Amino acid sequence: MQERGKELEERTATFALKVLCFVRSLPKAVPEQVLGRQLLKAGTAVGANYRAARRSRSKREFLARLGVVVEESDESVYWLGLLVRDEACAPPDVASLLQEARELRAIFATSLRTARSRP
């Protein structure tokens, strides 16, 4: 269990760095920069909040923080989805980034459901 948590911490950190690189590559036009800032906030918050969840002092705190992780990963999917549709900035690597965001969202949503169901 502890090892799985460390793997997810590393995976979310890698995701954040890929988001950072992607946002840097966006066109300098205002719409793309606005969407990029939103993605950057959400994409980097996934890992930060997951770390905080792992260090929770109670189940209630863990559930609340993990809920934020699910929200931030879902928001990352949303912003990436918009950027994929934007013809001005849809490089091929955005599809893999969107897939990773979807996978992280699924992992954390399942984790949250499992944690809620346990006594």
PDB file of N, CA and C in Angstrom:
ATOM      1  N   MET A   1       0.827  -1.200   0.000  1.00  0.00           N
ATOM      2  CA  MET A   1       0.000   0.000   0.000  1.00  0.00           C
ATOM      3  C   MET A   1       0.870   1.263   0.000  1.00  0.00           C
ATOM      4  N   GLN A   2       1.886   1.252   0.828  1.00  0.00           N
ATOM      5  CA  GLN A   2       2.787   2.406   0.929  1.00  0.00           C
ATOM      6  C   GLN A   2       3.530   2.623  -0.394  1.00  0.00           C
ATOM      7  N   GLU A   3       3.958   1.514  -1.020  1.00  0.00           N
ATOM      8  CA  GLU A   3       4.679   1.617  -2.286  1.00  0.00           C
ATOM      9  C   GLU A   3       3.771   2.166  -3.387  1.00  0.00           C
ATOM     10  N   ARG A   4       2.520   1.739  -3.411  1.00  0.00           N
ATOM     11  CA  ARG A   4       1.560   2.234  -4.408  1.00  0.00           C
ATOM     12  C   ARG A   4       1.388   3.748  -4.255  1.00  0.00           C
ATOM     13  N   GLY A   5       1.339   4.215  -3.018  1.00  0.00           N
ATOM     14  CA  GLY A   5       1.209   5.646  -2.765  1.00  0.00           C
ATOM     15  C   GLY A   5       2.403   6.428  -3.286  1.00  0.00           C
ATOM     16  N   LYS A   6       3.595   5.877  -3.094  1.00  0.00           N
ATOM     17  CA  LYS A   6       4.804   6.544  -3.601  1.00  0.00           C
ATOM     18  C   LYS A   6       4.815   6.566  -5.121  1.00  0.00           C
ATOM     19  N   GLU A   7       4.360   5.485  -5.737  1.00  0.00           N
ATOM     20  CA  GLU A   7       4.275   5.440  -7.199  1.00  0.00           C
ATOM     21  C   GLU A   7       3.315   6.517  -7.710  1.00  0.00           C
ATOM     22  N   LEU A   8       2.189   6.667  -7.035  1.00  0.00           N
ATOM     23  CA  LEU A   8       1.225   7.691  -7.448  1.00  0.00           C
ATOM     24  C   LEU A   8       1.763   9.093  -7.213  1.00  0.00           C
ATOM     25  N   GLU A   9       2.514   9.288  -6.142  1.00  0.00           N
ATOM     26  CA  GLU A   9       3.142  10.600  -5.919  1.00  0.00           C
ATOM     27  C   GLU A   9       4.085  10.935  -7.080  1.00  0.00           C
ATOM     28  N   GLU A  10       4.866   9.952  -7.488  1.00  0.00           N
ATOM     29  CA  GLU A  10       5.795  10.169  -8.601  1.00  0.00           C
ATOM     30  C   GLU A  10       5.034  10.400  -9.907  1.00  0.00           C
ATOM     31  N   ARG A  11       3.988   9.647 -10.102  1.00  0.00           N
ATOM     32  CA  ARG A  11       3.196   9.793 -11.336  1.00  0.00           C
ATOM     33  C   ARG A  11       2.535  11.160 -11.414  1.00  0.00           C
ATOM     34  N   THR A  12       2.025  11.644 -10.287  1.00  0.00           N
ATOM     35  CA  THR A  12       1.395  12.966 -10.295  1.00  0.00           C
ATOM     36  C   THR A  12       2.435  14.075 -10.468  1.00  0.00           C
ATOM     37  N   ALA A  13       3.628  13.876  -9.937  1.00  0.00           N
ATOM     38  CA  ALA A  13       4.697  14.863 -10.131  1.00  0.00           C
ATOM     39  C   ALA A  13       5.109  14.907 -11.606  1.00  0.00           C
ATOM     40  N   THR A  14       5.216  13.753 -12.223  1.00  0.00           N
ATOM     41  CA  THR A  14       5.544  13.688 -13.643  1.00  0.00           C
ATOM     42  C   THR A  14       4.452  14.358 -14.469  1.00  0.00           C
ATOM     43  N   PHE A  15       3.199  14.110 -14.108  1.00  0.00           N
ATOM     44  CA  PHE A  15       2.081  14.747 -14.794  1.00  0.00           C
ATOM     45  C   PHE A  15       2.190  16.271 -14.686  1.00  0.00           C
ATOM     46  N   ALA A  16       2.484  16.769 -13.490  1.00  0.00           N
ATOM     47  CA  ALA A  16       2.607  18.217 -13.284  1.00  0.00           C
ATOM     48  C   ALA A  16       3.710  18.798 -14.160  1.00  0.00           C
ATOM     49  N   LEU A  17       4.831  18.109 -14.250  1.00  0.00           N
ATOM     50  CA  LEU A  17       5.938  18.607 -15.080  1.00  0.00           C
ATOM     51  C   LEU A  17       5.579  18.599 -16.563  1.00  0.00           C
ATOM     52  N   LYS A  18       4.840  17.576 -16.991  1.00  0.00           N
ATOM     53  CA  LYS A  18       4.407  17.529 -18.390  1.00  0.00           C
ATOM     54  C   LYS A  18       3.404  18.649 -18.689  1.00  0.00           C
ATOM     55  N   VAL A  19       2.533  18.927 -17.725  1.00  0.00           N
ATOM     56  CA  VAL A  19       1.587  20.038 -17.877  1.00  0.00           C
ATOM     57  C   VAL A  19       2.360  21.344 -17.999  1.00  0.00           C
ATOM     58  N   LEU A  20       3.353  21.525 -17.160  1.00  0.00           N
ATOM     59  CA  LEU A  20       4.177  22.731 -17.197  1.00  0.00           C
ATOM     60  C   LEU A  20       4.822  22.908 -18.569  1.00  0.00           C
ATOM     61  N   CYS A  21       5.417  21.850 -19.096  1.00  0.00           N
ATOM     62  CA  CYS A  21       6.048  21.927 -20.418  1.00  0.00           C
ATOM     63  C   CYS A  21       5.020  22.225 -21.505  1.00  0.00           C
ATOM     64  N   PHE A  22       3.863  21.586 -21.396  1.00  0.00           N
ATOM     65  CA  PHE A  22       2.822  21.819 -22.392  1.00  0.00           C
ATOM     66  C   PHE A  22       2.353  23.271 -22.368  1.00  0.00           C
ATOM     67  N   VAL A  23       2.121  23.797 -21.179  1.00  0.00           N
ATOM     68  CA  VAL A  23       1.644  25.183 -21.063  1.00  0.00           C
ATOM     69  C   VAL A  23       2.683  26.149 -21.634  1.00  0.00           C
ATOM     70  N   ARG A  24       3.939  25.860 -21.407  1.00  0.00           N
ATOM     71  CA  ARG A  24       4.995  26.711 -21.982  1.00  0.00           C
ATOM     72  C   ARG A  24       4.967  26.710 -23.500  1.00  0.00           C
ATOM     73  N   SER A  25       4.497  25.625 -24.094  1.00  0.00           N
ATOM     74  CA  SER A  25       4.491  25.504 -25.553  1.00  0.00           C
ATOM     75  C   SER A  25       3.261  26.125 -26.214  1.00  0.00           C
ATOM     76  N   LEU A  26       2.309  26.560 -25.422  1.00  0.00           N
ATOM     77  CA  LEU A  26       1.074  27.114 -25.984  1.00  0.00           C
ATOM     78  C   LEU A  26       1.340  28.434 -26.700  1.00  0.00           C
ATOM     79  N   PRO A  27       0.528  28.734 -27.710  1.00  0.00           N
ATOM     80  CA  PRO A  27       0.648  30.041 -28.366  1.00  0.00           C
ATOM     81  C   PRO A  27       0.478  31.167 -27.352  1.00  0.00           C
ATOM     82  N   LYS A  28       1.063  32.285 -27.644  1.00  0.00           N
ATOM     83  CA  LYS A  28       1.025  33.419 -26.712  1.00  0.00           C
ATOM     84  C   LYS A  28      -0.258  34.238 -26.817  1.00  0.00           C
ATOM     85  N   ALA A  29      -1.215  33.779 -27.596  1.00  0.00           N
ATOM     86  CA  ALA A  29      -2.506  34.465 -27.706  1.00  0.00           C
ATOM     87  C   ALA A  29      -3.246  34.379 -26.371  1.00  0.00           C
ATOM     88  N   VAL A  30      -4.035  35.374 -26.074  1.00  0.00           N
ATOM     89  CA  VAL A  30      -4.723  35.468 -24.783  1.00  0.00           C
ATOM     90  C   VAL A  30      -5.595  34.248 -24.470  1.00  0.00           C
ATOM     91  N   PRO A  31      -6.431  33.771 -25.388  1.00  0.00           N
ATOM     92  CA  PRO A  31      -7.288  32.632 -25.025  1.00  0.00           C
ATOM     93  C   PRO A  31      -6.492  31.397 -24.583  1.00  0.00           C
ATOM     94  N   GLU A  32      -5.444  31.066 -25.328  1.00  0.00           N
ATOM     95  CA  GLU A  32      -4.636  29.901 -24.973  1.00  0.00           C
ATOM     96  C   GLU A  32      -3.888  30.110 -23.662  1.00  0.00           C
ATOM     97  N   GLN A  33      -3.460  31.327 -23.411  1.00  0.00           N
ATOM     98  CA  GLN A  33      -2.758  31.598 -22.158  1.00  0.00           C
ATOM     99  C   GLN A  33      -3.698  31.498 -20.953  1.00  0.00           C
ATOM    100  N   VAL A  34      -4.918  31.952 -21.121  1.00  0.00           N
ATOM    101  CA  VAL A  34      -5.901  31.851 -20.033  1.00  0.00           C
ATOM    102  C   VAL A  34      -6.199  30.379 -19.731  1.00  0.00           C
ATOM    103  N   LEU A  35      -6.471  29.606 -20.782  1.00  0.00           N
ATOM    104  CA  LEU A  35      -6.724  28.181 -20.582  1.00  0.00           C
ATOM    105  C   LEU A  35      -5.493  27.483 -20.009  1.00  0.00           C
ATOM    106  N   GLY A  36      -4.336  27.877 -20.481  1.00  0.00           N
ATOM    107  CA  GLY A  36      -3.091  27.298 -19.981  1.00  0.00           C
ATOM    108  C   GLY A  36      -2.880  27.553 -18.503  1.00  0.00           C
ATOM    109  N   ARG A  37      -3.181  28.766 -18.054  1.00  0.00           N
ATOM    110  CA  ARG A  37      -3.035  29.076 -16.619  1.00  0.00           C
ATOM    111  C   ARG A  37      -3.981  28.220 -15.784  1.00  0.00           C
ATOM    112  N   GLN A  38      -5.198  28.053 -16.269  1.00  0.00           N
ATOM    113  CA  GLN A  38      -6.169  27.228 -15.549  1.00  0.00           C
ATOM    114  C   GLN A  38      -5.682  25.782 -15.469  1.00  0.00           C
ATOM    115  N   LEU A  39      -5.176  25.271 -16.593  1.00  0.00           N
ATOM    116  CA  LEU A  39      -4.643  23.910 -16.622  1.00  0.00           C
ATOM    117  C   LEU A  39      -3.445  23.783 -15.694  1.00  0.00           C
ATOM    118  N   LEU A  40      -2.576  24.772 -15.706  1.00  0.00           N
ATOM    119  CA  LEU A  40      -1.386  24.724 -14.860  1.00  0.00           C
ATOM    120  C   LEU A  40      -1.763  24.651 -13.381  1.00  0.00           C
ATOM    121  N   LYS A  41      -2.746  25.434 -12.991  1.00  0.00           N
ATOM    122  CA  LYS A  41      -3.195  25.405 -11.594  1.00  0.00           C
ATOM    123  C   LYS A  41      -3.759  24.039 -11.221  1.00  0.00           C
ATOM    124  N   ALA A  42      -4.650  23.523 -12.064  1.00  0.00           N
ATOM    125  CA  ALA A  42      -5.287  22.240 -11.765  1.00  0.00           C
ATOM    126  C   ALA A  42      -4.288  21.084 -11.857  1.00  0.00           C
ATOM    127  N   GLY A  43      -3.487  21.083 -12.920  1.00  0.00           N
ATOM    128  CA  GLY A  43      -2.560  19.979 -13.148  1.00  0.00           C
ATOM    129  C   GLY A  43      -1.488  19.839 -12.081  1.00  0.00           C
ATOM    130  N   THR A  44      -1.040  20.954 -11.534  1.00  0.00           N
ATOM    131  CA  THR A  44      -0.036  20.881 -10.468  1.00  0.00           C
ATOM    132  C   THR A  44      -0.685  20.618  -9.108  1.00  0.00           C
ATOM    133  N   ALA A  45      -1.944  20.958  -8.971  1.00  0.00           N
ATOM    134  CA  ALA A  45      -2.648  20.742  -7.698  1.00  0.00           C
ATOM    135  C   ALA A  45      -2.956  19.272  -7.448  1.00  0.00           C
ATOM    136  N   VAL A  46      -3.034  18.469  -8.505  1.00  0.00           N
ATOM    137  CA  VAL A  46      -3.329  17.044  -8.338  1.00  0.00           C
ATOM    138  C   VAL A  46      -2.295  16.410  -7.410  1.00  0.00           C
ATOM    139  N   GLY A  47      -1.039  16.552  -7.742  1.00  0.00           N
ATOM    140  CA  GLY A  47       0.024  15.947  -6.947  1.00  0.00           C
ATOM    141  C   GLY A  47       0.178  16.563  -5.569  1.00  0.00           C
ATOM    142  N   ALA A  48       0.062  17.873  -5.495  1.00  0.00           N
ATOM    143  CA  ALA A  48       0.203  18.548  -4.200  1.00  0.00           C
ATOM    144  C   ALA A  48      -0.880  18.097  -3.225  1.00  0.00           C
ATOM    145  N   ASN A  49      -2.099  18.000  -3.721  1.00  0.00           N
ATOM    146  CA  ASN A  49      -3.191  17.580  -2.847  1.00  0.00           C
ATOM    147  C   ASN A  49      -3.138  16.091  -2.529  1.00  0.00           C
ATOM    148  N   TYR A  50      -2.617  15.294  -3.455  1.00  0.00           N
ATOM    149  CA  TYR A  50      -2.452  13.872  -3.157  1.00  0.00           C
ATOM    150  C   TYR A  50      -1.420  13.685  -2.042  1.00  0.00           C
ATOM    151  N   ARG A  51      -0.336  14.423  -2.106  1.00  0.00           N
ATOM    152  CA  ARG A  51       0.664  14.364  -1.018  1.00  0.00           C
ATOM    153  C   ARG A  51       0.027  14.735   0.313  1.00  0.00           C
ATOM    154  N   ALA A  52      -0.775  15.785   0.287  1.00  0.00           N
ATOM    155  CA  ALA A  52      -1.447  16.221   1.516  1.00  0.00           C
ATOM    156  C   ALA A  52      -2.406  15.153   2.012  1.00  0.00           C
ATOM    157  N   ALA A  53      -3.110  14.502   1.108  1.00  0.00           N
ATOM    158  CA  ALA A  53      -4.045  13.443   1.505  1.00  0.00           C
ATOM    159  C   ALA A  53      -3.301  12.295   2.180  1.00  0.00           C
ATOM    160  N   ARG A  54      -2.164  11.930   1.638  1.00  0.00           N
ATOM    161  CA  ARG A  54      -1.386  10.826   2.222  1.00  0.00           C
ATOM    162  C   ARG A  54      -0.874  11.162   3.622  1.00  0.00           C
ATOM    163  N   ARG A  55      -0.785  12.413   3.937  1.00  0.00           N
ATOM    164  CA  ARG A  55      -0.288  12.825   5.250  1.00  0.00           C
ATOM    165  C   ARG A  55      -1.418  13.248   6.196  1.00  0.00           C
ATOM    166  N   SER A  56      -2.623  12.893   5.832  1.00  0.00           N
ATOM    167  CA  SER A  56      -3.785  13.262   6.645  1.00  0.00           C
ATOM    168  C   SER A  56      -3.709  12.637   8.027  1.00  0.00           C
ATOM    169  N   ARG A  57      -4.312  13.329   8.981  1.00  0.00           N
ATOM    170  CA  ARG A  57      -4.299  12.859  10.360  1.00  0.00           C
ATOM    171  C   ARG A  57      -5.548  12.078  10.734  1.00  0.00           C
ATOM    172  N   SER A  58      -6.558  12.109   9.883  1.00  0.00           N
ATOM    173  CA  SER A  58      -7.789  11.378  10.178  1.00  0.00           C
ATOM    174  C   SER A  58      -8.427  10.914   8.877  1.00  0.00           C
ATOM    175  N   LYS A  59      -9.356   9.984   8.996  1.00  0.00           N
ATOM    176  CA  LYS A  59     -10.056   9.506   7.809  1.00  0.00           C
ATOM    177  C   LYS A  59     -10.864  10.635   7.179  1.00  0.00           C
ATOM    178  N   ARG A  60     -11.490  11.429   8.002  1.00  0.00           N
ATOM    179  CA  ARG A  60     -12.291  12.551   7.494  1.00  0.00           C
ATOM    180  C   ARG A  60     -11.429  13.519   6.681  1.00  0.00           C
ATOM    181  N   GLU A  61     -10.269  13.843   7.207  1.00  0.00           N
ATOM    182  CA  GLU A  61      -9.352  14.736   6.498  1.00  0.00           C
ATOM    183  C   GLU A  61      -8.866  14.077   5.206  1.00  0.00           C
ATOM    184  N   PHE A  62      -8.563  12.784   5.265  1.00  0.00           N
ATOM    185  CA  PHE A  62      -8.120  12.055   4.076  1.00  0.00           C
ATOM    186  C   PHE A  62      -9.180  12.095   2.979  1.00  0.00           C
ATOM    187  N   LEU A  63     -10.415  11.821   3.351  1.00  0.00           N
ATOM    188  CA  LEU A  63     -11.501  11.819   2.371  1.00  0.00           C
ATOM    189  C   LEU A  63     -11.692  13.203   1.748  1.00  0.00           C
ATOM    190  N   ALA A  64     -11.609  14.227   2.567  1.00  0.00           N
ATOM    191  CA  ALA A  64     -11.774  15.594   2.057  1.00  0.00           C
ATOM    192  C   ALA A  64     -10.650  15.939   1.074  1.00  0.00           C
ATOM    193  N   ARG A  65      -9.444  15.626   1.446  1.00  0.00           N
ATOM    194  CA  ARG A  65      -8.305  15.961   0.578  1.00  0.00           C
ATOM    195  C   ARG A  65      -8.306  15.125  -0.691  1.00  0.00           C
ATOM    196  N   LEU A  66      -8.672  13.855  -0.577  1.00  0.00           N
ATOM    197  CA  LEU A  66      -8.736  13.011  -1.760  1.00  0.00           C
ATOM    198  C   LEU A  66      -9.855  13.486  -2.692  1.00  0.00           C
ATOM    199  N   GLY A  67     -10.921  14.016  -2.111  1.00  0.00           N
ATOM    200  CA  GLY A  67     -11.974  14.613  -2.926  1.00  0.00           C
ATOM    201  C   GLY A  67     -11.460  15.784  -3.740  1.00  0.00           C
ATOM    202  N   VAL A  68     -10.580  16.569  -3.161  1.00  0.00           N
ATOM    203  CA  VAL A  68      -9.968  17.691  -3.887  1.00  0.00           C
ATOM    204  C   VAL A  68      -9.089  17.160  -5.019  1.00  0.00           C
ATOM    205  N   VAL A  69      -8.384  16.064  -4.790  1.00  0.00           N
ATOM    206  CA  VAL A  69      -7.554  15.457  -5.835  1.00  0.00           C
ATOM    207  C   VAL A  69      -8.432  15.054  -7.026  1.00  0.00           C
ATOM    208  N   VAL A  70      -9.571  14.441  -6.731  1.00  0.00           N
ATOM    209  CA  VAL A  70     -10.493  14.047  -7.801  1.00  0.00           C
ATOM    210  C   VAL A  70     -10.975  15.285  -8.558  1.00  0.00           C
ATOM    211  N   GLU A  71     -11.331  16.335  -7.840  1.00  0.00           N
ATOM    212  CA  GLU A  71     -11.801  17.573  -8.479  1.00  0.00           C
ATOM    213  C   GLU A  71     -10.724  18.179  -9.367  1.00  0.00           C
ATOM    214  N   GLU A  72      -9.502  18.248  -8.882  1.00  0.00           N
ATOM    215  CA  GLU A  72      -8.416  18.863  -9.654  1.00  0.00           C
ATOM    216  C   GLU A  72      -8.062  18.022 -10.879  1.00  0.00           C
ATOM    217  N   SER A  73      -8.090  16.703 -10.733  1.00  0.00           N
ATOM    218  CA  SER A  73      -7.799  15.864 -11.898  1.00  0.00           C
ATOM    219  C   SER A  73      -8.921  15.974 -12.924  1.00  0.00           C
ATOM    220  N   ASP A  74     -10.164  16.081 -12.460  1.00  0.00           N
ATOM    221  CA  ASP A  74     -11.284  16.268 -13.385  1.00  0.00           C
ATOM    222  C   ASP A  74     -11.189  17.624 -14.078  1.00  0.00           C
ATOM    223  N   GLU A  75     -10.792  18.638 -13.343  1.00  0.00           N
ATOM    224  CA  GLU A  75     -10.622  19.959 -13.945  1.00  0.00           C
ATOM    225  C   GLU A  75      -9.498  19.937 -14.982  1.00  0.00           C
ATOM    226  N   SER A  76      -8.447  19.190 -14.715  1.00  0.00           N
ATOM    227  CA  SER A  76      -7.361  19.048 -15.691  1.00  0.00           C
ATOM    228  C   SER A  76      -7.880  18.425 -16.978  1.00  0.00           C
ATOM    229  N   VAL A  77      -8.729  17.404 -16.841  1.00  0.00           N
ATOM    230  CA  VAL A  77      -9.339  16.777 -18.023  1.00  0.00           C
ATOM    231  C   VAL A  77     -10.145  17.811 -18.797  1.00  0.00           C
ATOM    232  N   TYR A  78     -10.890  18.632 -18.081  1.00  0.00           N
ATOM    233  CA  TYR A  78     -11.715  19.651 -18.733  1.00  0.00           C
ATOM    234  C   TYR A  78     -10.864  20.634 -19.539  1.00  0.00           C
ATOM    235  N   TRP A  79      -9.847  21.221 -18.914  1.00  0.00           N
ATOM    236  CA  TRP A  79      -9.020  22.218 -19.594  1.00  0.00           C
ATOM    237  C   TRP A  79      -8.260  21.591 -20.754  1.00  0.00           C
ATOM    238  N   LEU A  80      -7.741  20.389 -20.563  1.00  0.00           N
ATOM    239  CA  LEU A  80      -7.044  19.719 -21.664  1.00  0.00           C
ATOM    240  C   LEU A  80      -8.003  19.415 -22.809  1.00  0.00           C
ATOM    241  N   GLY A  81      -9.220  19.032 -22.475  1.00  0.00           N
ATOM    242  CA  GLY A  81     -10.219  18.768 -23.503  1.00  0.00           C
ATOM    243  C   GLY A  81     -10.502  19.995 -24.347  1.00  0.00           C
ATOM    244  N   LEU A  82     -10.583  21.149 -23.702  1.00  0.00           N
ATOM    245  CA  LEU A  82     -10.787  22.396 -24.455  1.00  0.00           C
ATOM    246  C   LEU A  82      -9.584  22.698 -25.338  1.00  0.00           C
ATOM    247  N   LEU A  83      -8.403  22.498 -24.803  1.00  0.00           N
ATOM    248  CA  LEU A  83      -7.202  22.794 -25.580  1.00  0.00           C
ATOM    249  C   LEU A  83      -7.036  21.820 -26.750  1.00  0.00           C
ATOM    250  N   VAL A  84      -7.474  20.585 -26.591  1.00  0.00           N
ATOM    251  CA  VAL A  84      -7.430  19.626 -27.694  1.00  0.00           C
ATOM    252  C   VAL A  84      -8.331  20.101 -28.827  1.00  0.00           C
ATOM    253  N   ARG A  85      -9.467  20.663 -28.477  1.00  0.00           N
ATOM    254  CA  ARG A  85     -10.420  21.150 -29.485  1.00  0.00           C
ATOM    255  C   ARG A  85      -9.971  22.444 -30.155  1.00  0.00           C
ATOM    256  N   ASP A  86      -9.068  23.172 -29.508  1.00  0.00           N
ATOM    257  CA  ASP A  86      -8.575  24.438 -30.041  1.00  0.00           C
ATOM    258  C   ASP A  86      -7.562  24.143 -31.140  1.00  0.00           C
ATOM    259  N   GLU A  87      -7.927  24.428 -32.359  1.00  0.00           N
ATOM    260  CA  GLU A  87      -7.075  24.107 -33.499  1.00  0.00           C
ATOM    261  C   GLU A  87      -5.750  24.865 -33.479  1.00  0.00           C
ATOM    262  N   ALA A  88      -5.694  25.942 -32.750  1.00  0.00           N
ATOM    263  CA  ALA A  88      -4.466  26.742 -32.712  1.00  0.00           C
ATOM    264  C   ALA A  88      -3.373  26.095 -31.867  1.00  0.00           C
ATOM    265  N   CYS A  89      -3.727  25.134 -31.035  1.00  0.00           N
ATOM    266  CA  CYS A  89      -2.707  24.623 -30.109  1.00  0.00           C
ATOM    267  C   CYS A  89      -2.813  23.137 -29.813  1.00  0.00           C
ATOM    268  N   ALA A  90      -3.266  22.355 -30.723  1.00  0.00           N
ATOM    269  CA  ALA A  90      -3.435  20.930 -30.445  1.00  0.00           C
ATOM    270  C   ALA A  90      -2.269  20.098 -30.979  1.00  0.00           C
ATOM    271  N   PRO A  91      -1.089  20.198 -30.350  1.00  0.00           N
ATOM    272  CA  PRO A  91       0.032  19.362 -30.780  1.00  0.00           C
ATOM    273  C   PRO A  91      -0.254  17.899 -30.423  1.00  0.00           C
ATOM    274  N   PRO A  92       0.426  16.969 -31.058  1.00  0.00           N
ATOM    275  CA  PRO A  92       0.153  15.543 -30.823  1.00  0.00           C
ATOM    276  C   PRO A  92       0.320  15.108 -29.369  1.00  0.00           C
ATOM    277  N   ASP A  93       1.239  15.729 -28.645  1.00  0.00           N
ATOM    278  CA  ASP A  93       1.482  15.295 -27.265  1.00  0.00           C
ATOM    279  C   ASP A  93       0.330  15.614 -26.315  1.00  0.00           C
ATOM    280  N   VAL A  94      -0.590  16.476 -26.709  1.00  0.00           N
ATOM    281  CA  VAL A  94      -1.693  16.814 -25.820  1.00  0.00           C
ATOM    282  C   VAL A  94      -2.630  15.621 -25.626  1.00  0.00           C
ATOM    283  N   ALA A  95      -2.731  14.751 -26.620  1.00  0.00           N
ATOM    284  CA  ALA A  95      -3.598  13.575 -26.495  1.00  0.00           C
ATOM    285  C   ALA A  95      -3.088  12.651 -25.397  1.00  0.00           C
ATOM    286  N   SER A  96      -1.784  12.451 -25.309  1.00  0.00           N
ATOM    287  CA  SER A  96      -1.234  11.585 -24.254  1.00  0.00           C
ATOM    288  C   SER A  96      -1.384  12.240 -22.882  1.00  0.00           C
ATOM    289  N   LEU A  97      -1.275  13.547 -22.838  1.00  0.00           N
ATOM    290  CA  LEU A  97      -1.465  14.265 -21.579  1.00  0.00           C
ATOM    291  C   LEU A  97      -2.918  14.155 -21.118  1.00  0.00           C
ATOM    292  N   LEU A  98      -3.844  14.282 -22.045  1.00  0.00           N
ATOM    293  CA  LEU A  98      -5.260  14.122 -21.723  1.00  0.00           C
ATOM    294  C   LEU A  98      -5.543  12.705 -21.246  1.00  0.00           C
ATOM    295  N   GLN A  99      -4.949  11.720 -21.876  1.00  0.00           N
ATOM    296  CA  GLN A  99      -5.143  10.321 -21.456  1.00  0.00           C
ATOM    297  C   GLN A  99      -4.623  10.118 -20.032  1.00  0.00           C
ATOM    298  N   GLU A 100      -3.482  10.677 -19.721  1.00  0.00           N
ATOM    299  CA  GLU A 100      -2.929  10.546 -18.359  1.00  0.00           C
ATOM    300  C   GLU A 100      -3.847  11.220 -17.348  1.00  0.00           C
ATOM    301  N   ALA A 101      -4.381  12.381 -17.678  1.00  0.00           N
ATOM    302  CA  ALA A 101      -5.308  13.073 -16.772  1.00  0.00           C
ATOM    303  C   ALA A 101      -6.543  12.214 -16.531  1.00  0.00           C
ATOM    304  N   ARG A 102      -7.062  11.593 -17.576  1.00  0.00           N
ATOM    305  CA  ARG A 102      -8.225  10.716 -17.421  1.00  0.00           C
ATOM    306  C   ARG A 102      -7.910   9.513 -16.548  1.00  0.00           C
ATOM    307  N   GLU A 103      -6.737   8.933 -16.741  1.00  0.00           N
ATOM    308  CA  GLU A 103      -6.339   7.781 -15.932  1.00  0.00           C
ATOM    309  C   GLU A 103      -6.182   8.165 -14.460  1.00  0.00           C
ATOM    310  N   LEU A 104      -5.550   9.302 -14.211  1.00  0.00           N
ATOM    311  CA  LEU A 104      -5.397   9.753 -12.823  1.00  0.00           C
ATOM    312  C   LEU A 104      -6.762  10.016 -12.192  1.00  0.00           C
ATOM    313  N   ARG A 105      -7.651  10.648 -12.928  1.00  0.00           N
ATOM    314  CA  ARG A 105      -9.001  10.896 -12.413  1.00  0.00           C
ATOM    315  C   ARG A 105      -9.685   9.585 -12.046  1.00  0.00           C
ATOM    316  N   ALA A 106      -9.578   8.591 -12.901  1.00  0.00           N
ATOM    317  CA  ALA A 106     -10.207   7.291 -12.630  1.00  0.00           C
ATOM    318  C   ALA A 106      -9.591   6.615 -11.407  1.00  0.00           C
ATOM    319  N   ILE A 107      -8.289   6.669 -11.292  1.00  0.00           N
ATOM    320  CA  ILE A 107      -7.603   6.059 -10.146  1.00  0.00           C
ATOM    321  C   ILE A 107      -8.064   6.715  -8.850  1.00  0.00           C
ATOM    322  N   PHE A 108      -8.063   8.042  -8.820  1.00  0.00           N
ATOM    323  CA  PHE A 108      -8.402   8.737  -7.580  1.00  0.00           C
ATOM    324  C   PHE A 108      -9.893   8.662  -7.260  1.00  0.00           C
ATOM    325  N   ALA A 109     -10.742   8.637  -8.267  1.00  0.00           N
ATOM    326  CA  ALA A 109     -12.180   8.483  -8.019  1.00  0.00           C
ATOM    327  C   ALA A 109     -12.466   7.108  -7.429  1.00  0.00           C
ATOM    328  N   THR A 110     -11.804   6.089  -7.952  1.00  0.00           N
ATOM    329  CA  THR A 110     -11.965   4.741  -7.412  1.00  0.00           C
ATOM    330  C   THR A 110     -11.426   4.665  -5.990  1.00  0.00           C
ATOM    331  N   SER A 111     -10.288   5.278  -5.759  1.00  0.00           N
ATOM    332  CA  SER A 111      -9.707   5.301  -4.406  1.00  0.00           C
ATOM    333  C   SER A 111     -10.637   5.973  -3.421  1.00  0.00           C
ATOM    334  N   LEU A 112     -11.260   7.066  -3.849  1.00  0.00           N
ATOM    335  CA  LEU A 112     -12.170   7.791  -2.980  1.00  0.00           C
ATOM    336  C   LEU A 112     -13.400   6.929  -2.645  1.00  0.00           C
ATOM    337  N   ARG A 113     -13.968   6.277  -3.659  1.00  0.00           N
ATOM    338  CA  ARG A 113     -15.113   5.395  -3.406  1.00  0.00           C
ATOM    339  C   ARG A 113     -14.757   4.274  -2.456  1.00  0.00           C
ATOM    340  N   THR A 114     -13.597   3.684  -2.662  1.00  0.00           N
ATOM    341  CA  THR A 114     -13.143   2.591  -1.800  1.00  0.00           C
ATOM    342  C   THR A 114     -12.940   3.079  -0.375  1.00  0.00           C
ATOM    343  N   ALA A 115     -12.292   4.206  -0.224  1.00  0.00           N
ATOM    344  CA  ALA A 115     -12.025   4.748   1.116  1.00  0.00           C
ATOM    345  C   ALA A 115     -13.322   5.104   1.832  1.00  0.00           C
ATOM    346  N   ARG A 116     -14.296   5.620   1.109  1.00  0.00           N
ATOM    347  CA  ARG A 116     -15.583   5.965   1.732  1.00  0.00           C
ATOM    348  C   ARG A 116     -16.336   4.719   2.196  1.00  0.00           C
ATOM    349  N   SER A 117     -16.167   3.624   1.490  1.00  0.00           N
ATOM    350  CA  SER A 117     -16.917   2.412   1.817  1.00  0.00           C
ATOM    351  C   SER A 117     -16.339   1.639   2.997  1.00  0.00           C
ATOM    352  N   ARG A 118     -15.118   1.954   3.360  1.00  0.00           N
ATOM    353  CA  ARG A 118     -14.467   1.263   4.482  1.00  0.00           C
ATOM    354  C   ARG A 118     -14.862   1.910   5.811  1.00  0.00           C
ATOM    355  N   PRO A 119     -15.020   1.066   6.814  1.00  0.00           N
ATOM    356  CA  PRO A 119     -15.384   1.623   8.143  1.00  0.00           C
ATOM    357  C   PRO A 119     -14.267   2.418   8.800  1.00  0.00           C
TER     358      PRO A 119
END
